Amino acid sequence: MVFPSPTDASKPVDTAFVRFKHWYRLLSVAGLRSLKLHALRHTYASLLLQDGESLAYVKEQMGHSSIQVTVDVYGHFIPGKNRGAVERLASATSWPAVRPDFDATMTVAADVQGRPVNMRQIGAPGRLGMLGTTV
């Protein structure tokens, strides 16, 4: 056993004893906020995953029965796990590149009779343009 009982070495230490006699005192002396001892387990696992360790290794360290348990509990700590999906979405929704010499205000539209009209002559949307129609 890693933590045998102080009164009987064949039994594990009482968790309440460790928590109240040692853990909370240690946090107080260190000037840290109160934190459950079990939170260290989660911190350890999340730091391993963020550092690039394999799920199989973290599963073994945590003593989980299956890798699915590890993924369910700590999967959100795996860096870049959604990067491929995000990149596919970004490429599907991105606008084509616009030429730097392209001026959208200079595009040509057609008037009612189909004659080309410079967009600067028409004016802003909602105003009356040179043709006397609402744009």
N, C-alpha and C. Protein backbone atom coordinates (compact mmCIF):
# COMPACT_ATOMS: atom_id res chain seq x y z
N MET A 1 0.83 -1.19 0.00
CA MET A 1 0.00 0.00 0.00
C MET A 1 0.87 1.25 0.00
N VAL A 2 0.41 2.21 -0.72
CA VAL A 2 1.14 3.46 -0.78
C VAL A 2 0.97 4.24 0.52
N PHE A 3 -0.25 4.25 1.06
CA PHE A 3 -0.53 4.97 2.29
C PHE A 3 -1.13 4.03 3.33
N PRO A 4 -0.27 3.35 4.10
CA PRO A 4 -0.81 2.47 5.15
C PRO A 4 -1.32 3.29 6.34
N SER A 5 -2.21 2.70 7.08
CA SER A 5 -2.77 3.35 8.26
C SER A 5 -1.66 3.56 9.30
N PRO A 6 -1.65 4.72 9.99
CA PRO A 6 -0.60 4.92 11.00
C PRO A 6 -0.74 3.98 12.21
N THR A 7 -1.94 3.42 12.40
CA THR A 7 -2.15 2.53 13.54
C THR A 7 -2.04 1.06 13.18
N ASP A 8 -2.30 0.70 11.90
CA ASP A 8 -2.24 -0.70 11.47
C ASP A 8 -1.73 -0.74 10.03
N ALA A 9 -0.49 -1.16 9.85
CA ALA A 9 0.16 -1.14 8.54
C ALA A 9 -0.50 -2.08 7.53
N SER A 10 -1.34 -2.99 7.96
CA SER A 10 -1.99 -3.91 7.04
C SER A 10 -3.28 -3.30 6.43
N LYS A 11 -3.66 -2.14 6.94
CA LYS A 11 -4.87 -1.47 6.44
C LYS A 11 -4.50 -0.15 5.77
N PRO A 12 -5.34 0.28 4.83
CA PRO A 12 -5.05 1.57 4.19
C PRO A 12 -5.38 2.72 5.15
N VAL A 13 -4.75 3.84 4.90
CA VAL A 13 -4.99 5.02 5.71
C VAL A 13 -6.42 5.52 5.46
N ASP A 14 -7.02 6.06 6.49
CA ASP A 14 -8.36 6.62 6.37
C ASP A 14 -8.25 7.93 5.58
N THR A 15 -9.06 8.06 4.52
CA THR A 15 -8.96 9.23 3.66
C THR A 15 -9.31 10.52 4.39
N ALA A 16 -10.24 10.45 5.32
CA ALA A 16 -10.60 11.64 6.09
C ALA A 16 -9.41 12.10 6.93
N PHE A 17 -8.64 11.15 7.46
CA PHE A 17 -7.45 11.47 8.25
C PHE A 17 -6.45 12.26 7.40
N VAL A 18 -6.18 11.77 6.21
CA VAL A 18 -5.23 12.45 5.33
C VAL A 18 -5.76 13.83 4.94
N ARG A 19 -7.03 13.87 4.60
CA ARG A 19 -7.63 15.12 4.14
C ARG A 19 -7.59 16.20 5.21
N PHE A 20 -8.02 15.88 6.41
CA PHE A 20 -8.14 16.92 7.43
C PHE A 20 -6.86 17.13 8.24
N LYS A 21 -6.08 16.08 8.47
CA LYS A 21 -4.86 16.22 9.26
C LYS A 21 -3.69 16.78 8.45
N HIS A 22 -3.66 16.47 7.16
CA HIS A 22 -2.49 16.85 6.37
C HIS A 22 -2.82 17.77 5.18
N TRP A 23 -3.76 17.34 4.35
CA TRP A 23 -3.99 18.02 3.08
C TRP A 23 -4.42 19.47 3.25
N TYR A 24 -5.49 19.71 4.01
CA TYR A 24 -5.98 21.08 4.16
C TYR A 24 -4.99 21.96 4.92
N ARG A 25 -4.25 21.38 5.83
CA ARG A 25 -3.19 22.14 6.52
C ARG A 25 -2.09 22.54 5.55
N LEU A 26 -1.70 21.60 4.70
CA LEU A 26 -0.67 21.87 3.71
C LEU A 26 -1.09 23.00 2.76
N LEU A 27 -2.32 22.96 2.31
CA LEU A 27 -2.82 24.02 1.43
C LEU A 27 -2.82 25.38 2.15
N SER A 28 -3.22 25.38 3.41
CA SER A 28 -3.27 26.61 4.18
C SER A 28 -1.87 27.20 4.36
N VAL A 29 -0.91 26.36 4.71
CA VAL A 29 0.47 26.82 4.91
C VAL A 29 1.04 27.36 3.59
N ALA A 30 0.68 26.72 2.49
CA ALA A 30 1.19 27.14 1.19
C ALA A 30 0.45 28.38 0.66
N GLY A 31 -0.61 28.76 1.33
CA GLY A 31 -1.38 29.93 0.91
C GLY A 31 -2.25 29.68 -0.30
N LEU A 32 -2.63 28.41 -0.48
CA LEU A 32 -3.47 28.04 -1.63
C LEU A 32 -4.92 27.87 -1.20
N ARG A 33 -5.82 28.03 -2.15
CA ARG A 33 -7.24 27.85 -1.86
C ARG A 33 -7.53 26.38 -1.59
N SER A 34 -8.63 26.13 -0.94
CA SER A 34 -9.04 24.77 -0.62
C SER A 34 -9.33 24.01 -1.91
N LEU A 35 -8.80 22.83 -2.01
CA LEU A 35 -8.92 22.01 -3.21
C LEU A 35 -9.05 20.56 -2.78
N LYS A 36 -9.98 19.84 -3.38
CA LYS A 36 -10.13 18.43 -3.03
C LYS A 36 -8.90 17.66 -3.48
N LEU A 37 -8.50 16.72 -2.68
CA LEU A 37 -7.32 15.90 -2.97
C LEU A 37 -7.50 15.14 -4.29
N HIS A 38 -8.73 14.71 -4.56
CA HIS A 38 -9.01 13.96 -5.78
C HIS A 38 -8.77 14.81 -7.03
N ALA A 39 -8.81 16.13 -6.88
CA ALA A 39 -8.57 17.02 -8.03
C ALA A 39 -7.16 16.85 -8.57
N LEU A 40 -6.23 16.41 -7.74
CA LEU A 40 -4.86 16.18 -8.21
C LEU A 40 -4.81 15.06 -9.25
N ARG A 41 -5.67 14.09 -9.08
CA ARG A 41 -5.75 12.99 -10.04
C ARG A 41 -6.15 13.53 -11.41
N HIS A 42 -7.17 14.39 -11.44
CA HIS A 42 -7.62 14.97 -12.70
C HIS A 42 -6.56 15.89 -13.29
N THR A 43 -5.87 16.63 -12.45
CA THR A 43 -4.81 17.51 -12.92
C THR A 43 -3.71 16.68 -13.58
N TYR A 44 -3.33 15.60 -12.94
CA TYR A 44 -2.27 14.73 -13.48
C TYR A 44 -2.67 14.19 -14.85
N ALA A 45 -3.88 13.67 -14.96
CA ALA A 45 -4.33 13.09 -16.23
C ALA A 45 -4.42 14.16 -17.32
N SER A 46 -4.97 15.31 -17.00
CA SER A 46 -5.12 16.36 -18.01
C SER A 46 -3.77 16.89 -18.46
N LEU A 47 -2.82 17.02 -17.54
CA LEU A 47 -1.48 17.48 -17.93
C LEU A 47 -0.76 16.46 -18.82
N LEU A 48 -0.97 15.17 -18.53
CA LEU A 48 -0.38 14.14 -19.39
C LEU A 48 -0.91 14.26 -20.82
N LEU A 49 -2.24 14.39 -20.95
CA LEU A 49 -2.84 14.48 -22.27
C LEU A 49 -2.43 15.75 -23.00
N GLN A 50 -2.39 16.86 -22.30
CA GLN A 50 -1.99 18.12 -22.93
C GLN A 50 -0.53 18.10 -23.35
N ASP A 51 0.25 17.24 -22.69
CA ASP A 51 1.67 17.12 -23.04
C ASP A 51 1.88 16.11 -24.17
N GLY A 52 0.79 15.51 -24.66
CA GLY A 52 0.90 14.61 -25.81
C GLY A 52 1.03 13.14 -25.48
N GLU A 53 0.85 12.76 -24.23
CA GLU A 53 0.91 11.33 -23.89
C GLU A 53 -0.27 10.60 -24.52
N SER A 54 -0.10 9.31 -24.80
CA SER A 54 -1.15 8.54 -25.45
C SER A 54 -2.29 8.25 -24.47
N LEU A 55 -3.47 8.05 -25.02
CA LEU A 55 -4.62 7.69 -24.19
C LEU A 55 -4.39 6.36 -23.48
N ALA A 56 -3.69 5.44 -24.13
CA ALA A 56 -3.42 4.14 -23.52
C ALA A 56 -2.57 4.31 -22.26
N TYR A 57 -1.57 5.18 -22.32
CA TYR A 57 -0.72 5.41 -21.16
C TYR A 57 -1.51 6.06 -20.01
N VAL A 58 -2.34 7.04 -20.35
CA VAL A 58 -3.14 7.72 -19.32
C VAL A 58 -4.14 6.74 -18.72
N LYS A 59 -4.72 5.87 -19.55
CA LYS A 59 -5.63 4.83 -19.05
C LYS A 59 -4.95 3.97 -18.01
N GLU A 60 -3.72 3.55 -18.32
CA GLU A 60 -2.97 2.71 -17.37
C GLU A 60 -2.65 3.48 -16.08
N GLN A 61 -2.25 4.72 -16.21
CA GLN A 61 -1.91 5.53 -15.04
C GLN A 61 -3.13 5.76 -14.14
N MET A 62 -4.29 5.94 -14.74
CA MET A 62 -5.51 6.20 -13.98
C MET A 62 -6.14 4.93 -13.45
N GLY A 63 -5.76 3.77 -14.04
CA GLY A 63 -6.34 2.51 -13.61
C GLY A 63 -7.76 2.30 -14.13
N HIS A 64 -8.09 2.94 -15.25
CA HIS A 64 -9.42 2.79 -15.81
C HIS A 64 -9.60 1.40 -16.41
N SER A 65 -10.85 0.93 -16.40
CA SER A 65 -11.15 -0.40 -16.93
C SER A 65 -11.06 -0.45 -18.45
N SER A 66 -11.32 0.67 -19.10
CA SER A 66 -11.23 0.72 -20.57
C SER A 66 -10.78 2.11 -21.00
N ILE A 67 -10.32 2.17 -22.24
CA ILE A 67 -9.88 3.46 -22.77
C ILE A 67 -11.08 4.39 -22.97
N GLN A 68 -12.28 3.81 -23.14
CA GLN A 68 -13.49 4.62 -23.30
C GLN A 68 -13.76 5.45 -22.05
N VAL A 69 -13.49 4.90 -20.88
CA VAL A 69 -13.65 5.67 -19.63
C VAL A 69 -12.71 6.86 -19.64
N THR A 70 -11.48 6.64 -20.06
CA THR A 70 -10.50 7.72 -20.12
C THR A 70 -10.94 8.80 -21.10
N VAL A 71 -11.42 8.41 -22.26
CA VAL A 71 -11.89 9.38 -23.26
C VAL A 71 -13.10 10.15 -22.73
N ASP A 72 -14.04 9.44 -22.09
CA ASP A 72 -15.24 10.10 -21.58
C ASP A 72 -14.90 11.14 -20.51
N VAL A 73 -13.94 10.84 -19.66
CA VAL A 73 -13.61 11.75 -18.56
C VAL A 73 -12.64 12.83 -18.98
N TYR A 74 -11.63 12.47 -19.78
CA TYR A 74 -10.54 13.40 -20.07
C TYR A 74 -10.38 13.76 -21.55
N GLY A 75 -11.29 13.30 -22.40
CA GLY A 75 -11.16 13.51 -23.84
C GLY A 75 -11.08 14.97 -24.25
N HIS A 76 -11.74 15.84 -23.49
CA HIS A 76 -11.72 17.27 -23.87
C HIS A 76 -10.36 17.92 -23.65
N PHE A 77 -9.44 17.22 -23.03
CA PHE A 77 -8.09 17.76 -22.82
C PHE A 77 -7.13 17.40 -23.94
N ILE A 78 -7.56 16.58 -24.88
CA ILE A 78 -6.68 16.16 -25.96
C ILE A 78 -6.51 17.34 -26.91
N PRO A 79 -5.29 17.86 -27.04
CA PRO A 79 -5.09 19.04 -27.89
C PRO A 79 -5.31 18.74 -29.37
N GLY A 80 -6.02 19.63 -30.05
CA GLY A 80 -6.21 19.52 -31.48
C GLY A 80 -7.14 18.43 -31.93
N LYS A 81 -7.90 17.82 -31.04
CA LYS A 81 -8.75 16.70 -31.44
C LYS A 81 -9.82 17.12 -32.43
N ASN A 82 -10.24 18.38 -32.39
CA ASN A 82 -11.27 18.87 -33.31
C ASN A 82 -10.69 19.73 -34.42
N ARG A 83 -9.40 19.84 -34.49
CA ARG A 83 -8.76 20.73 -35.46
C ARG A 83 -9.14 20.37 -36.89
N GLY A 84 -9.17 19.10 -37.23
CA GLY A 84 -9.51 18.70 -38.59
C GLY A 84 -10.91 19.13 -38.98
N ALA A 85 -11.87 18.94 -38.07
CA ALA A 85 -13.25 19.34 -38.35
C ALA A 85 -13.36 20.85 -38.51
N VAL A 86 -12.66 21.59 -37.67
CA VAL A 86 -12.70 23.05 -37.75
C VAL A 86 -12.09 23.53 -39.06
N GLU A 87 -10.98 22.92 -39.46
CA GLU A 87 -10.33 23.32 -40.71
C GLU A 87 -11.20 22.99 -41.93
N ARG A 88 -11.90 21.85 -41.89
CA ARG A 88 -12.80 21.51 -43.00
C ARG A 88 -13.95 22.50 -43.08
N LEU A 89 -14.50 22.88 -41.94
CA LEU A 89 -15.58 23.87 -41.93
C LEU A 89 -15.09 25.21 -42.43
N ALA A 90 -13.90 25.62 -42.01
CA ALA A 90 -13.36 26.91 -42.45
C ALA A 90 -13.13 26.93 -43.95
N SER A 91 -12.62 25.85 -44.51
CA SER A 91 -12.38 25.84 -45.96
C SER A 91 -13.68 25.78 -46.74
N ALA A 92 -14.71 25.16 -46.18
CA ALA A 92 -16.00 25.08 -46.88
C ALA A 92 -16.74 26.40 -46.87
N THR A 93 -16.49 27.22 -45.87
CA THR A 93 -17.22 28.49 -45.75
C THR A 93 -16.40 29.71 -46.08
N SER A 94 -15.15 29.53 -46.51
CA SER A 94 -14.31 30.70 -46.78
C SER A 94 -14.68 31.31 -48.13
N TRP A 95 -14.51 32.62 -48.21
CA TRP A 95 -14.76 33.36 -49.44
C TRP A 95 -13.56 33.24 -50.35
N PRO A 96 -13.78 33.26 -51.65
CA PRO A 96 -12.62 33.24 -52.55
C PRO A 96 -11.82 34.52 -52.40
N ALA A 97 -10.56 34.43 -52.68
CA ALA A 97 -9.69 35.60 -52.55
C ALA A 97 -10.09 36.67 -53.55
N VAL A 98 -10.08 37.93 -53.11
CA VAL A 98 -10.42 39.06 -53.97
C VAL A 98 -9.13 39.69 -54.46
N ARG A 99 -9.12 40.04 -55.73
CA ARG A 99 -7.93 40.69 -56.27
C ARG A 99 -7.73 42.03 -55.59
N PRO A 100 -6.50 42.41 -55.24
CA PRO A 100 -6.27 43.68 -54.57
C PRO A 100 -6.62 44.88 -55.43
N ASP A 101 -6.59 44.75 -56.75
CA ASP A 101 -6.90 45.89 -57.62
C ASP A 101 -8.40 45.98 -57.93
N PHE A 102 -9.21 45.10 -57.35
CA PHE A 102 -10.64 45.07 -57.59
C PHE A 102 -11.33 46.12 -56.73
N ASP A 103 -12.16 46.97 -57.34
CA ASP A 103 -12.90 48.00 -56.61
C ASP A 103 -14.39 47.70 -56.79
N ALA A 104 -15.04 47.26 -55.72
CA ALA A 104 -16.44 46.86 -55.80
C ALA A 104 -17.35 48.01 -56.19
N THR A 105 -16.95 49.24 -55.88
CA THR A 105 -17.80 50.39 -56.24
C THR A 105 -17.75 50.69 -57.73
N MET A 106 -16.81 50.09 -58.43
CA MET A 106 -16.67 50.37 -59.86
C MET A 106 -17.31 49.27 -60.71
N THR A 107 -18.00 48.32 -60.09
CA THR A 107 -18.60 47.26 -60.89
C THR A 107 -19.71 47.83 -61.76
N VAL A 108 -19.99 47.13 -62.81
CA VAL A 108 -20.97 47.60 -63.77
C VAL A 108 -22.28 46.88 -63.55
N ALA A 109 -23.36 47.64 -63.50
CA ALA A 109 -24.70 47.08 -63.41
C ALA A 109 -25.44 47.45 -64.68
N ALA A 110 -26.64 46.97 -64.82
CA ALA A 110 -27.44 47.32 -66.00
C ALA A 110 -28.67 48.09 -65.54
N ASP A 111 -29.04 49.09 -66.30
CA ASP A 111 -30.26 49.84 -65.98
C ASP A 111 -31.46 49.06 -66.50
N VAL A 112 -32.61 49.66 -66.41
CA VAL A 112 -33.83 48.98 -66.79
C VAL A 112 -33.81 48.53 -68.26
N GLN A 113 -33.19 49.32 -69.12
CA GLN A 113 -33.13 48.97 -70.53
C GLN A 113 -31.93 48.07 -70.86
N GLY A 114 -31.14 47.68 -69.83
CA GLY A 114 -30.01 46.80 -70.07
C GLY A 114 -28.73 47.52 -70.42
N ARG A 115 -28.70 48.87 -70.29
CA ARG A 115 -27.48 49.62 -70.59
C ARG A 115 -26.55 49.57 -69.38
N PRO A 116 -25.23 49.47 -69.56
CA PRO A 116 -24.30 49.44 -68.44
C PRO A 116 -24.34 50.74 -67.65
N VAL A 117 -24.28 50.63 -66.33
CA VAL A 117 -24.29 51.80 -65.44
C VAL A 117 -23.20 51.60 -64.40
N ASN A 118 -22.41 52.63 -64.16
CA ASN A 118 -21.39 52.60 -63.12
C ASN A 118 -22.10 52.65 -61.76
N MET A 119 -21.73 51.78 -60.81
CA MET A 119 -22.39 51.70 -59.51
C MET A 119 -22.23 52.99 -58.71
N ARG A 120 -21.16 53.74 -58.92
CA ARG A 120 -20.98 55.00 -58.20
C ARG A 120 -22.05 56.01 -58.61
N GLN A 121 -22.54 55.91 -59.81
CA GLN A 121 -23.59 56.82 -60.28
C GLN A 121 -24.92 56.50 -59.61
N ILE A 122 -25.14 55.25 -59.27
CA ILE A 122 -26.43 54.84 -58.70
C ILE A 122 -26.56 55.35 -57.27
N GLY A 123 -25.50 55.32 -56.47
CA GLY A 123 -25.57 55.78 -55.09
C GLY A 123 -25.72 54.61 -54.13
N ALA A 124 -25.90 54.96 -52.86
CA ALA A 124 -26.00 53.94 -51.82
C ALA A 124 -27.34 53.23 -51.87
N PRO A 125 -27.43 52.00 -51.36
CA PRO A 125 -28.70 51.27 -51.35
C PRO A 125 -29.76 52.06 -50.60
N GLY A 126 -30.98 52.09 -51.16
CA GLY A 126 -32.09 52.76 -50.50
C GLY A 126 -32.26 54.21 -50.98
N ARG A 127 -31.28 54.76 -51.65
CA ARG A 127 -31.37 56.13 -52.16
C ARG A 127 -31.85 56.09 -53.61
N LEU A 128 -32.33 57.22 -54.06
CA LEU A 128 -32.69 57.30 -55.48
C LEU A 128 -31.43 57.46 -56.30
N GLY A 129 -31.27 56.62 -57.24
CA GLY A 129 -30.10 56.69 -58.11
C GLY A 129 -30.35 57.63 -59.26
N MET A 130 -29.39 57.66 -60.17
CA MET A 130 -29.48 58.55 -61.32
C MET A 130 -30.63 58.16 -62.23
N LEU A 131 -31.08 56.93 -62.14
CA LEU A 131 -32.15 56.47 -63.01
C LEU A 131 -33.52 56.82 -62.43
N GLY A 132 -33.53 57.38 -61.20
CA GLY A 132 -34.79 57.72 -60.58
C GLY A 132 -35.49 56.54 -59.92
N THR A 133 -34.78 55.45 -59.79
CA THR A 133 -35.36 54.28 -59.14
C THR A 133 -34.69 54.05 -57.80
N THR A 134 -35.39 53.44 -56.88
CA THR A 134 -34.78 53.12 -55.58
C THR A 134 -33.82 51.97 -55.76
N VAL A 135 -32.65 52.14 -55.19
CA VAL A 135 -31.61 51.14 -55.34
C VAL A 135 -31.59 50.27 -54.11
